[in-house]
């Protein structure tokens, strides 16, 4: 479930299709709309950065303490959590790239 949600984030930002409240955003002047897009992307980078950090930390804890899903199958838990951390890290990086494009562009499309 996590991978479906956080795995879609890179594709959403790569296509510039993130969710906006058009009722409010369309009434704002272009410069203000551009500033709100930049602020939203900075907040997204902070959130995804914190999420990446904590999920990587949790994966490391799972690995070092050898947590398993159950005693019968003995499947380790850390690969799933490591994959979540990697996808979240990629998402953070792509949001940062999108923010750089926004800053370079100067206005919305």
PDB file of N, CA and C in Angstrom:
ATOM      1  N   UNK A   1       0.817  -1.187   0.000  1.00  0.00           N
ATOM      2  CA  UNK A   1       0.000   0.000   0.000  1.00  0.00           C
ATOM      3  C   UNK A   1       0.868   1.261   0.000  1.00  0.00           C
ATOM      4  N   UNK A   2       1.937   1.237   0.824  1.00  0.00           N
ATOM      5  CA  UNK A   2       2.822   2.392   0.879  1.00  0.00           C
ATOM      6  C   UNK A   2       3.476   2.644  -0.473  1.00  0.00           C
ATOM      7  N   UNK A   3       3.881   1.565  -1.121  1.00  0.00           N
ATOM      8  CA  UNK A   3       4.567   1.720  -2.398  1.00  0.00           C
ATOM      9  C   UNK A   3       3.648   2.255  -3.478  1.00  0.00           C
ATOM     10  N   UNK A   4       2.383   1.916  -3.409  1.00  0.00           N
ATOM     11  CA  UNK A   4       1.430   2.444  -4.387  1.00  0.00           C
ATOM     12  C   UNK A   4       1.274   3.945  -4.202  1.00  0.00           C
ATOM     13  N   UNK A   5       1.162   4.374  -2.967  1.00  0.00           N
ATOM     14  CA  UNK A   5       0.968   5.798  -2.688  1.00  0.00           C
ATOM     15  C   UNK A   5       2.250   6.583  -2.962  1.00  0.00           C
ATOM     16  N   UNK A   6       3.350   6.186  -2.332  1.00  0.00           N
ATOM     17  CA  UNK A   6       4.583   6.960  -2.469  1.00  0.00           C
ATOM     18  C   UNK A   6       5.317   6.661  -3.767  1.00  0.00           C
ATOM     19  N   UNK A   7       5.004   5.560  -4.399  1.00  0.00           N
ATOM     20  CA  UNK A   7       5.585   5.268  -5.704  1.00  0.00           C
ATOM     21  C   UNK A   7       4.993   6.124  -6.801  1.00  0.00           C
ATOM     22  N   UNK A   8       3.777   6.622  -6.593  1.00  0.00           N
ATOM     23  CA  UNK A   8       3.129   7.477  -7.592  1.00  0.00           C
ATOM     24  C   UNK A   8       3.630   8.918  -7.533  1.00  0.00           C
ATOM     25  N   UNK A   9       4.182   9.325  -6.422  1.00  0.00           N
ATOM     26  CA  UNK A   9       4.619  10.712  -6.256  1.00  0.00           C
ATOM     27  C   UNK A   9       5.643  11.136  -7.312  1.00  0.00           C
ATOM     28  N   UNK A  10       6.668  10.327  -7.616  1.00  0.00           N
ATOM     29  CA  UNK A  10       7.614  10.768  -8.649  1.00  0.00           C
ATOM     30  C   UNK A  10       6.952  10.995 -10.009  1.00  0.00           C
ATOM     31  N   UNK A  11       6.011  10.135 -10.375  1.00  0.00           N
ATOM     32  CA  UNK A  11       5.336  10.291 -11.664  1.00  0.00           C
ATOM     33  C   UNK A  11       4.438  11.523 -11.684  1.00  0.00           C
ATOM     34  N   UNK A  12       3.790  11.796 -10.562  1.00  0.00           N
ATOM     35  CA  UNK A  12       2.909  12.962 -10.477  1.00  0.00           C
ATOM     36  C   UNK A  12       3.724  14.247 -10.634  1.00  0.00           C
ATOM     37  N   UNK A  13       4.852  14.333  -9.951  1.00  0.00           N
ATOM     38  CA  UNK A  13       5.662  15.542 -10.045  1.00  0.00           C
ATOM     39  C   UNK A  13       6.386  15.644 -11.381  1.00  0.00           C
ATOM     40  N   UNK A  14       6.749  14.519 -11.974  1.00  0.00           N
ATOM     41  CA  UNK A  14       7.421  14.557 -13.271  1.00  0.00           C
ATOM     42  C   UNK A  14       6.479  15.085 -14.358  1.00  0.00           C
ATOM     43  N   UNK A  15       5.186  14.814 -14.209  1.00  0.00           N
ATOM     44  CA  UNK A  15       4.201  15.269 -15.195  1.00  0.00           C
ATOM     45  C   UNK A  15       3.546  16.593 -14.812  1.00  0.00           C
ATOM     46  N   UNK A  16       3.920  17.161 -13.679  1.00  0.00           N
ATOM     47  CA  UNK A  16       3.345  18.416 -13.185  1.00  0.00           C
ATOM     48  C   UNK A  16       1.827  18.292 -13.020  1.00  0.00           C
ATOM     49  N   UNK A  17       1.381  17.211 -12.369  1.00  0.00           N
ATOM     50  CA  UNK A  17      -0.041  16.953 -12.212  1.00  0.00           C
ATOM     51  C   UNK A  17      -0.449  16.876 -10.738  1.00  0.00           C
ATOM     52  N   UNK A  18       0.290  17.561  -9.871  1.00  0.00           N
ATOM     53  CA  UNK A  18      -0.052  17.507  -8.463  1.00  0.00           C
ATOM     54  C   UNK A  18      -1.382  18.212  -8.198  1.00  0.00           C
ATOM     55  N   UNK A  19      -1.962  17.892  -7.072  1.00  0.00           N
ATOM     56  CA  UNK A  19      -3.285  18.391  -6.712  1.00  0.00           C
ATOM     57  C   UNK A  19      -3.221  19.860  -6.325  1.00  0.00           C
ATOM     58  N   UNK A  20      -4.091  20.646  -6.898  1.00  0.00           N
ATOM     59  CA  UNK A  20      -4.214  22.064  -6.552  1.00  0.00           C
ATOM     60  C   UNK A  20      -5.686  22.369  -6.291  1.00  0.00           C
ATOM     61  N   UNK A  21      -5.920  23.371  -5.486  1.00  0.00           N
ATOM     62  CA  UNK A  21      -7.286  23.843  -5.271  1.00  0.00           C
ATOM     63  C   UNK A  21      -7.520  24.946  -6.297  1.00  0.00           C
ATOM     64  N   UNK A  22      -8.085  24.560  -7.437  1.00  0.00           N
ATOM     65  CA  UNK A  22      -8.233  25.497  -8.552  1.00  0.00           C
ATOM     66  C   UNK A  22      -9.204  26.629  -8.262  1.00  0.00           C
ATOM     67  N   UNK A  23     -10.147  26.403  -7.391  1.00  0.00           N
ATOM     68  CA  UNK A  23     -11.115  27.453  -7.070  1.00  0.00           C
ATOM     69  C   UNK A  23     -10.398  28.677  -6.500  1.00  0.00           C
ATOM     70  N   UNK A  24      -9.424  28.433  -5.647  1.00  0.00           N
ATOM     71  CA  UNK A  24      -8.666  29.520  -5.043  1.00  0.00           C
ATOM     72  C   UNK A  24      -7.503  29.930  -5.943  1.00  0.00           C
ATOM     73  N   UNK A  25      -6.768  28.963  -6.474  1.00  0.00           N
ATOM     74  CA  UNK A  25      -5.553  29.256  -7.238  1.00  0.00           C
ATOM     75  C   UNK A  25      -5.830  30.039  -8.508  1.00  0.00           C
ATOM     76  N   UNK A  26      -6.936  29.781  -9.156  1.00  0.00           N
ATOM     77  CA  UNK A  26      -7.245  30.492 -10.404  1.00  0.00           C
ATOM     78  C   UNK A  26      -7.588  31.957 -10.177  1.00  0.00           C
ATOM     79  N   UNK A  27      -7.979  32.308  -8.984  1.00  0.00           N
ATOM     80  CA  UNK A  27      -8.326  33.704  -8.678  1.00  0.00           C
ATOM     81  C   UNK A  27      -7.130  34.525  -8.225  1.00  0.00           C
ATOM     82  N   UNK A  28      -6.019  33.867  -7.991  1.00  0.00           N
ATOM     83  CA  UNK A  28      -4.821  34.578  -7.545  1.00  0.00           C
ATOM     84  C   UNK A  28      -4.069  35.134  -8.750  1.00  0.00           C
ATOM     85  N   UNK A  29      -3.368  36.247  -8.553  1.00  0.00           N
ATOM     86  CA  UNK A  29      -2.502  36.742  -9.625  1.00  0.00           C
ATOM     87  C   UNK A  29      -1.384  35.726  -9.906  1.00  0.00           C
ATOM     88  N   UNK A  30      -0.840  35.715 -11.129  1.00  0.00           N
ATOM     89  CA  UNK A  30       0.183  34.719 -11.487  1.00  0.00           C
ATOM     90  C   UNK A  30       1.401  34.710 -10.566  1.00  0.00           C
ATOM     91  N   UNK A  31       1.854  35.866 -10.107  1.00  0.00           N
ATOM     92  CA  UNK A  31       3.026  35.896  -9.223  1.00  0.00           C
ATOM     93  C   UNK A  31       2.717  35.262  -7.868  1.00  0.00           C
ATOM     94  N   UNK A  32       1.528  35.543  -7.343  1.00  0.00           N
ATOM     95  CA  UNK A  32       1.145  34.956  -6.054  1.00  0.00           C
ATOM     96  C   UNK A  32       0.958  33.450  -6.207  1.00  0.00           C
ATOM     97  N   UNK A  33       0.355  33.030  -7.307  1.00  0.00           N
ATOM     98  CA  UNK A  33       0.166  31.597  -7.572  1.00  0.00           C
ATOM     99  C   UNK A  33       1.522  30.903  -7.673  1.00  0.00           C
ATOM    100  N   UNK A  34       2.457  31.555  -8.315  1.00  0.00           N
ATOM    101  CA  UNK A  34       3.810  30.999  -8.441  1.00  0.00           C
ATOM    102  C   UNK A  34       4.466  30.864  -7.064  1.00  0.00           C
ATOM    103  N   UNK A  35       4.308  31.883  -6.225  1.00  0.00           N
ATOM    104  CA  UNK A  35       4.868  31.834  -4.866  1.00  0.00           C
ATOM    105  C   UNK A  35       4.226  30.735  -4.027  1.00  0.00           C
ATOM    106  N   UNK A  36       2.912  30.539  -4.167  1.00  0.00           N
ATOM    107  CA  UNK A  36       2.254  29.461  -3.420  1.00  0.00           C
ATOM    108  C   UNK A  36       2.709  28.094  -3.915  1.00  0.00           C
ATOM    109  N   UNK A  37       2.971  27.964  -5.220  1.00  0.00           N
ATOM    110  CA  UNK A  37       3.514  26.702  -5.726  1.00  0.00           C
ATOM    111  C   UNK A  37       4.896  26.424  -5.155  1.00  0.00           C
ATOM    112  N   UNK A  38       5.713  27.446  -5.081  1.00  0.00           N
ATOM    113  CA  UNK A  38       7.051  27.279  -4.509  1.00  0.00           C
ATOM    114  C   UNK A  38       6.954  26.897  -3.031  1.00  0.00           C
ATOM    115  N   UNK A  39       6.100  27.580  -2.281  1.00  0.00           N
ATOM    116  CA  UNK A  39       5.934  27.270  -0.854  1.00  0.00           C
ATOM    117  C   UNK A  39       5.422  25.843  -0.659  1.00  0.00           C
ATOM    118  N   UNK A  40       4.468  25.430  -1.478  1.00  0.00           N
ATOM    119  CA  UNK A  40       3.930  24.068  -1.369  1.00  0.00           C
ATOM    120  C   UNK A  40       5.002  23.027  -1.662  1.00  0.00           C
ATOM    121  N   UNK A  41       5.856  23.305  -2.629  1.00  0.00           N
ATOM    122  CA  UNK A  41       6.918  22.360  -2.960  1.00  0.00           C
ATOM    123  C   UNK A  41       7.995  22.314  -1.888  1.00  0.00           C
ATOM    124  N   UNK A  42       8.285  23.439  -1.269  1.00  0.00           N
ATOM    125  CA  UNK A  42       9.243  23.443  -0.148  1.00  0.00           C
ATOM    126  C   UNK A  42       8.682  22.615   1.006  1.00  0.00           C
ATOM    127  N   UNK A  43       7.396  22.785   1.307  1.00  0.00           N
ATOM    128  CA  UNK A  43       6.769  21.975   2.359  1.00  0.00           C
ATOM    129  C   UNK A  43       6.774  20.490   2.004  1.00  0.00           C
ATOM    130  N   UNK A  44       6.547  20.176   0.730  1.00  0.00           N
ATOM    131  CA  UNK A  44       6.575  18.773   0.295  1.00  0.00           C
ATOM    132  C   UNK A  44       7.975  18.187   0.441  1.00  0.00           C
ATOM    133  N   UNK A  45       8.995  18.980   0.135  1.00  0.00           N
ATOM    134  CA  UNK A  45      10.371  18.497   0.290  1.00  0.00           C
ATOM    135  C   UNK A  45      10.681  18.238   1.757  1.00  0.00           C
ATOM    136  N   UNK A  46      10.250  19.135   2.633  1.00  0.00           N
ATOM    137  CA  UNK A  46      10.488  18.945   4.067  1.00  0.00           C
ATOM    138  C   UNK A  46       9.769  17.685   4.558  1.00  0.00           C
ATOM    139  N   UNK A  47       8.493  17.538   4.200  1.00  0.00           N
ATOM    140  CA  UNK A  47       7.723  16.369   4.635  1.00  0.00           C
ATOM    141  C   UNK A  47       8.342  15.075   4.113  1.00  0.00           C
ATOM    142  N   UNK A  48       8.624  15.026   2.810  1.00  0.00           N
ATOM    143  CA  UNK A  48       9.174  13.800   2.232  1.00  0.00           C
ATOM    144  C   UNK A  48      10.594  13.530   2.733  1.00  0.00           C
ATOM    145  N   UNK A  49      11.352  14.585   3.015  1.00  0.00           N
ATOM    146  CA  UNK A  49      12.684  14.392   3.575  1.00  0.00           C
ATOM    147  C   UNK A  49      12.627  13.761   4.961  1.00  0.00           C
ATOM    148  N   UNK A  50      11.721  14.265   5.789  1.00  0.00           N
ATOM    149  CA  UNK A  50      11.545  13.683   7.125  1.00  0.00           C
ATOM    150  C   UNK A  50      11.040  12.249   7.021  1.00  0.00           C
ATOM    151  N   UNK A  51      10.098  12.007   6.119  1.00  0.00           N
ATOM    152  CA  UNK A  51       9.573  10.653   5.913  1.00  0.00           C
ATOM    153  C   UNK A  51      10.678   9.711   5.441  1.00  0.00           C
ATOM    154  N   UNK A  52      11.523  10.175   4.536  1.00  0.00           N
ATOM    155  CA  UNK A  52      12.641   9.356   4.052  1.00  0.00           C
ATOM    156  C   UNK A  52      13.594   9.020   5.188  1.00  0.00           C
ATOM    157  N   UNK A  53      13.930  10.025   5.976  1.00  0.00           N
ATOM    158  CA  UNK A  53      14.854   9.826   7.093  1.00  0.00           C
ATOM    159  C   UNK A  53      14.316   8.790   8.077  1.00  0.00           C
ATOM    160  N   UNK A  54      13.067   8.938   8.486  1.00  0.00           N
ATOM    161  CA  UNK A  54      12.518   8.013   9.482  1.00  0.00           C
ATOM    162  C   UNK A  54      12.284   6.616   8.917  1.00  0.00           C
ATOM    163  N   UNK A  55      11.915   6.513   7.659  1.00  0.00           N
ATOM    164  CA  UNK A  55      11.724   5.176   7.092  1.00  0.00           C
ATOM    165  C   UNK A  55      13.064   4.473   6.899  1.00  0.00           C
ATOM    166  N   UNK A  56      14.115   5.206   6.538  1.00  0.00           N
ATOM    167  CA  UNK A  56      15.443   4.598   6.435  1.00  0.00           C
ATOM    168  C   UNK A  56      15.949   4.176   7.817  1.00  0.00           C
ATOM    169  N   UNK A  57      15.684   5.013   8.799  1.00  0.00           N
ATOM    170  CA  UNK A  57      16.085   4.679  10.168  1.00  0.00           C
ATOM    171  C   UNK A  57      15.358   3.431  10.673  1.00  0.00           C
ATOM    172  N   UNK A  58      14.057   3.343  10.361  1.00  0.00           N
ATOM    173  CA  UNK A  58      13.286   2.169  10.760  1.00  0.00           C
ATOM    174  C   UNK A  58      13.788   0.918  10.046  1.00  0.00           C
ATOM    175  N   UNK A  59      14.131   1.035   8.770  1.00  0.00           N
ATOM    176  CA  UNK A  59      14.668  -0.111   8.027  1.00  0.00           C
ATOM    177  C   UNK A  59      15.986  -0.576   8.647  1.00  0.00           C
ATOM    178  N   UNK A  60      16.812   0.370   9.065  1.00  0.00           N
ATOM    179  CA  UNK A  60      18.076   0.004   9.708  1.00  0.00           C
ATOM    180  C   UNK A  60      17.848  -0.698  11.038  1.00  0.00           C
ATOM    181  N   UNK A  61      16.866  -0.225  11.804  1.00  0.00           N
ATOM    182  CA  UNK A  61      16.520  -0.886  13.070  1.00  0.00           C
ATOM    183  C   UNK A  61      16.018  -2.293  12.812  1.00  0.00           C
ATOM    184  N   UNK A  62      15.162  -2.436  11.789  1.00  0.00           N
ATOM    185  CA  UNK A  62      14.636  -3.767  11.443  1.00  0.00           C
ATOM    186  C   UNK A  62      15.775  -4.707  11.039  1.00  0.00           C
ATOM    187  N   UNK A  63      16.755  -4.177  10.306  1.00  0.00           N
ATOM    188  CA  UNK A  63      17.873  -4.999   9.849  1.00  0.00           C
ATOM    189  C   UNK A  63      18.783  -5.398  11.003  1.00  0.00           C
ATOM    190  N   UNK A  64      19.162  -4.429  11.840  1.00  0.00           N
ATOM    191  CA  UNK A  64      20.116  -4.720  12.911  1.00  0.00           C
ATOM    192  C   UNK A  64      19.512  -5.600  14.007  1.00  0.00           C
ATOM    193  N   UNK A  65      18.214  -5.492  14.251  1.00  0.00           N
ATOM    194  CA  UNK A  65      17.574  -6.313  15.290  1.00  0.00           C
ATOM    195  C   UNK A  65      16.954  -7.585  14.735  1.00  0.00           C
ATOM    196  N   UNK A  66      17.099  -7.782  13.422  1.00  0.00           N
ATOM    197  CA  UNK A  66      16.642  -9.009  12.759  1.00  0.00           C
ATOM    198  C   UNK A  66      15.150  -9.295  12.987  1.00  0.00           C
ATOM    199  N   UNK A  67      14.321  -8.261  12.763  1.00  0.00           N
ATOM    200  CA  UNK A  67      12.878  -8.446  12.877  1.00  0.00           C
ATOM    201  C   UNK A  67      12.359  -9.291  11.723  1.00  0.00           C
ATOM    202  N   UNK A  68      11.421 -10.185  12.032  1.00  0.00           N
ATOM    203  CA  UNK A  68      10.836 -11.076  11.026  1.00  0.00           C
ATOM    204  C   UNK A  68       9.321 -10.955  11.081  1.00  0.00           C
ATOM    205  N   UNK A  69       8.667 -11.307   9.957  1.00  0.00           N
ATOM    206  CA  UNK A  69       7.213 -11.234   9.912  1.00  0.00           C
ATOM    207  C   UNK A  69       6.567 -12.280  10.801  1.00  0.00           C
ATOM    208  N   UNK A  70       7.066 -13.495  10.763  1.00  0.00           N
ATOM    209  CA  UNK A  70       6.583 -14.503  11.703  1.00  0.00           C
ATOM    210  C   UNK A  70       7.635 -15.595  11.838  1.00  0.00           C
ATOM    211  N   UNK A  71       7.514 -16.396  12.867  1.00  0.00           N
ATOM    212  CA  UNK A  71       8.543 -17.388  13.152  1.00  0.00           C
ATOM    213  C   UNK A  71       8.530 -18.558  12.187  1.00  0.00           C
ATOM    214  N   UNK A  72       7.380 -18.856  11.596  1.00  0.00           N
ATOM    215  CA  UNK A  72       7.287 -20.008  10.693  1.00  0.00           C
ATOM    216  C   UNK A  72       8.002 -19.745   9.370  1.00  0.00           C
ATOM    217  N   UNK A  73       7.750 -18.596   8.761  1.00  0.00           N
ATOM    218  CA  UNK A  73       8.357 -18.310   7.460  1.00  0.00           C
ATOM    219  C   UNK A  73       9.706 -17.627   7.591  1.00  0.00           C
ATOM    220  N   UNK A  74       9.913 -16.914   8.668  1.00  0.00           N
ATOM    221  CA  UNK A  74      11.163 -16.211   8.950  1.00  0.00           C
ATOM    222  C   UNK A  74      11.540 -15.226   7.847  1.00  0.00           C
ATOM    223  N   UNK A  75      10.549 -14.573   7.260  1.00  0.00           N
ATOM    224  CA  UNK A  75      10.807 -13.566   6.235  1.00  0.00           C
ATOM    225  C   UNK A  75      11.194 -12.266   6.935  1.00  0.00           C
ATOM    226  N   UNK A  76      12.340 -11.685   6.574  1.00  0.00           N
ATOM    227  CA  UNK A  76      12.757 -10.441   7.228  1.00  0.00           C
ATOM    228  C   UNK A  76      11.874  -9.262   6.824  1.00  0.00           C
ATOM    229  N   UNK A  77      11.732  -8.306   7.741  1.00  0.00           N
ATOM    230  CA  UNK A  77      10.903  -7.129   7.490  1.00  0.00           C
ATOM    231  C   UNK A  77      11.662  -5.998   6.799  1.00  0.00           C
ATOM    232  N   UNK A  78      12.969  -5.949   6.943  1.00  0.00           N
ATOM    233  CA  UNK A  78      13.705  -4.772   6.481  1.00  0.00           C
ATOM    234  C   UNK A  78      13.641  -4.502   4.976  1.00  0.00           C
ATOM    235  N   UNK A  79      13.530  -5.508   4.067  1.00  0.00           N
ATOM    236  CA  UNK A  79      13.488  -5.156   2.640  1.00  0.00           C
ATOM    237  C   UNK A  79      12.293  -4.262   2.270  1.00  0.00           C
ATOM    238  N   UNK A  80      11.146  -4.538   2.863  1.00  0.00           N
ATOM    239  CA  UNK A  80       9.964  -3.724   2.582  1.00  0.00           C
ATOM    240  C   UNK A  80      10.179  -2.286   3.047  1.00  0.00           C
ATOM    241  N   UNK A  81      10.720  -2.127   4.233  1.00  0.00           N
ATOM    242  CA  UNK A  81      10.945  -0.785   4.765  1.00  0.00           C
ATOM    243  C   UNK A  81      12.063  -0.063   4.026  1.00  0.00           C
ATOM    244  N   UNK A  82      13.063  -0.800   3.572  1.00  0.00           N
ATOM    245  CA  UNK A  82      14.135  -0.184   2.792  1.00  0.00           C
ATOM    246  C   UNK A  82      13.597   0.296   1.444  1.00  0.00           C
ATOM    247  N   UNK A  83      12.712  -0.471   0.841  1.00  0.00           N
ATOM    248  CA  UNK A  83      12.116  -0.068  -0.425  1.00  0.00           C
ATOM    249  C   UNK A  83      11.269   1.190  -0.258  1.00  0.00           C
ATOM    250  N   UNK A  84      10.553   1.287   0.841  1.00  0.00           N
ATOM    251  CA  UNK A  84       9.780   2.502   1.129  1.00  0.00           C
ATOM    252  C   UNK A  84      10.721   3.699   1.262  1.00  0.00           C
ATOM    253  N   UNK A  85      11.845   3.520   1.953  1.00  0.00           N
ATOM    254  CA  UNK A  85      12.804   4.610   2.122  1.00  0.00           C
ATOM    255  C   UNK A  85      13.396   5.035   0.784  1.00  0.00           C
ATOM    256  N   UNK A  86      13.693   4.083  -0.081  1.00  0.00           N
ATOM    257  CA  UNK A  86      14.274   4.410  -1.389  1.00  0.00           C
ATOM    258  C   UNK A  86      13.270   5.167  -2.250  1.00  0.00           C
ATOM    259  N   UNK A  87      12.026   4.695  -2.286  1.00  0.00           N
ATOM    260  CA  UNK A  87      10.997   5.372  -3.082  1.00  0.00           C
ATOM    261  C   UNK A  87      10.734   6.771  -2.533  1.00  0.00           C
ATOM    262  N   UNK A  88      10.698   6.912  -1.223  1.00  0.00           N
ATOM    263  CA  UNK A  88      10.500   8.243  -0.627  1.00  0.00           C
ATOM    264  C   UNK A  88      11.679   9.154  -0.939  1.00  0.00           C
ATOM    265  N   UNK A  89      12.883   8.612  -0.938  1.00  0.00           N
ATOM    266  CA  UNK A  89      14.054   9.409  -1.291  1.00  0.00           C
ATOM    267  C   UNK A  89      14.021   9.863  -2.746  1.00  0.00           C
ATOM    268  N   UNK A  90      13.613   8.979  -3.639  1.00  0.00           N
ATOM    269  CA  UNK A  90      13.476   9.348  -5.052  1.00  0.00           C
ATOM    270  C   UNK A  90      12.403  10.420  -5.206  1.00  0.00           C
ATOM    271  N   UNK A  91      11.309  10.272  -4.488  1.00  0.00           N
ATOM    272  CA  UNK A  91      10.245  11.281  -4.539  1.00  0.00           C
ATOM    273  C   UNK A  91      10.749  12.633  -4.063  1.00  0.00           C
ATOM    274  N   UNK A  92      11.501  12.643  -2.978  1.00  0.00           N
ATOM    275  CA  UNK A  92      12.057  13.893  -2.460  1.00  0.00           C
ATOM    276  C   UNK A  92      12.967  14.543  -3.495  1.00  0.00           C
ATOM    277  N   UNK A  93      13.803  13.741  -4.127  1.00  0.00           N
ATOM    278  CA  UNK A  93      14.705  14.260  -5.141  1.00  0.00           C
ATOM    279  C   UNK A  93      13.934  14.846  -6.328  1.00  0.00           C
ATOM    280  N   UNK A  94      12.888  14.151  -6.784  1.00  0.00           N
ATOM    281  CA  UNK A  94      12.123  14.647  -7.924  1.00  0.00           C
ATOM    282  C   UNK A  94      11.322  15.902  -7.586  1.00  0.00           C
ATOM    283  N   UNK A  95      10.847  15.994  -6.366  1.00  0.00           N
ATOM    284  CA  UNK A  95      10.170  17.230  -5.955  1.00  0.00           C
ATOM    285  C   UNK A  95      11.172  18.381  -5.952  1.00  0.00           C
ATOM    286  N   UNK A  96      12.387  18.114  -5.512  1.00  0.00           N
ATOM    287  CA  UNK A  96      13.432  19.135  -5.527  1.00  0.00           C
ATOM    288  C   UNK A  96      13.743  19.574  -6.964  1.00  0.00           C
ATOM    289  N   UNK A  97      13.828  18.624  -7.886  1.00  0.00           N
ATOM    290  CA  UNK A  97      14.070  18.948  -9.297  1.00  0.00           C
ATOM    291  C   UNK A  97      12.920  19.793  -9.842  1.00  0.00           C
ATOM    292  N   UNK A  98      11.698  19.429  -9.491  1.00  0.00           N
ATOM    293  CA  UNK A  98      10.543  20.206  -9.936  1.00  0.00           C
ATOM    294  C   UNK A  98      10.589  21.626  -9.354  1.00  0.00           C
ATOM    295  N   UNK A  99      11.015  21.750  -8.103  1.00  0.00           N
ATOM    296  CA  UNK A  99      11.143  23.071  -7.489  1.00  0.00           C
ATOM    297  C   UNK A  99      12.178  23.919  -8.232  1.00  0.00           C
ATOM    298  N   UNK A 100      13.286  23.308  -8.629  1.00  0.00           N
ATOM    299  CA  UNK A 100      14.285  24.039  -9.405  1.00  0.00           C
ATOM    300  C   UNK A 100      13.712  24.504 -10.746  1.00  0.00           C
ATOM    301  N   UNK A 101      12.901  23.652 -11.376  1.00  0.00           N
ATOM    302  CA  UNK A 101      12.254  24.046 -12.637  1.00  0.00           C
ATOM    303  C   UNK A 101      11.292  25.203 -12.409  1.00  0.00           C
ATOM    304  N   UNK A 102      10.561  25.151 -11.301  1.00  0.00           N
ATOM    305  CA  UNK A 102       9.639  26.247 -10.970  1.00  0.00           C
ATOM    306  C   UNK A 102      10.394  27.555 -10.762  1.00  0.00           C
ATOM    307  N   UNK A 103      11.504  27.481 -10.059  1.00  0.00           N
ATOM    308  CA  UNK A 103      12.289  28.688  -9.797  1.00  0.00           C
ATOM    309  C   UNK A 103      12.904  29.239 -11.077  1.00  0.00           C
ATOM    310  N   UNK A 104      13.298  28.354 -11.972  1.00  0.00           N
ATOM    311  CA  UNK A 104      13.881  28.794 -13.228  1.00  0.00           C
ATOM    312  C   UNK A 104      12.847  29.345 -14.184  1.00  0.00           C
ATOM    313  N   UNK A 105      11.640  28.757 -14.159  1.00  0.00           N
ATOM    314  CA  UNK A 105      10.585  29.146 -15.093  1.00  0.00           C
ATOM    315  C   UNK A 105      10.068  30.555 -14.802  1.00  0.00           C
ATOM    316  N   UNK A 106       9.859  30.875 -13.557  1.00  0.00           N
ATOM    317  CA  UNK A 106       9.402  32.222 -13.196  1.00  0.00           C
ATOM    318  C   UNK A 106       7.908  32.384 -13.182  1.00  0.00           C
ATOM    319  N   UNK A 107       7.156  31.674 -13.988  1.00  0.00           N
ATOM    320  CA  UNK A 107       5.696  31.751 -13.991  1.00  0.00           C
ATOM    321  C   UNK A 107       5.129  30.362 -14.201  1.00  0.00           C
ATOM    322  N   UNK A 108       3.860  30.211 -13.959  1.00  0.00           N
ATOM    323  CA  UNK A 108       3.206  28.939 -14.200  1.00  0.00           C
ATOM    324  C   UNK A 108       2.883  28.778 -15.660  1.00  0.00           C
ATOM    325  N   UNK A 109       2.693  27.524 -16.055  1.00  0.00           N
ATOM    326  CA  UNK A 109       2.329  27.301 -17.462  1.00  0.00           C
ATOM    327  C   UNK A 109       0.872  27.538 -17.712  1.00  0.00           C
TER     328      UNK A 109
END
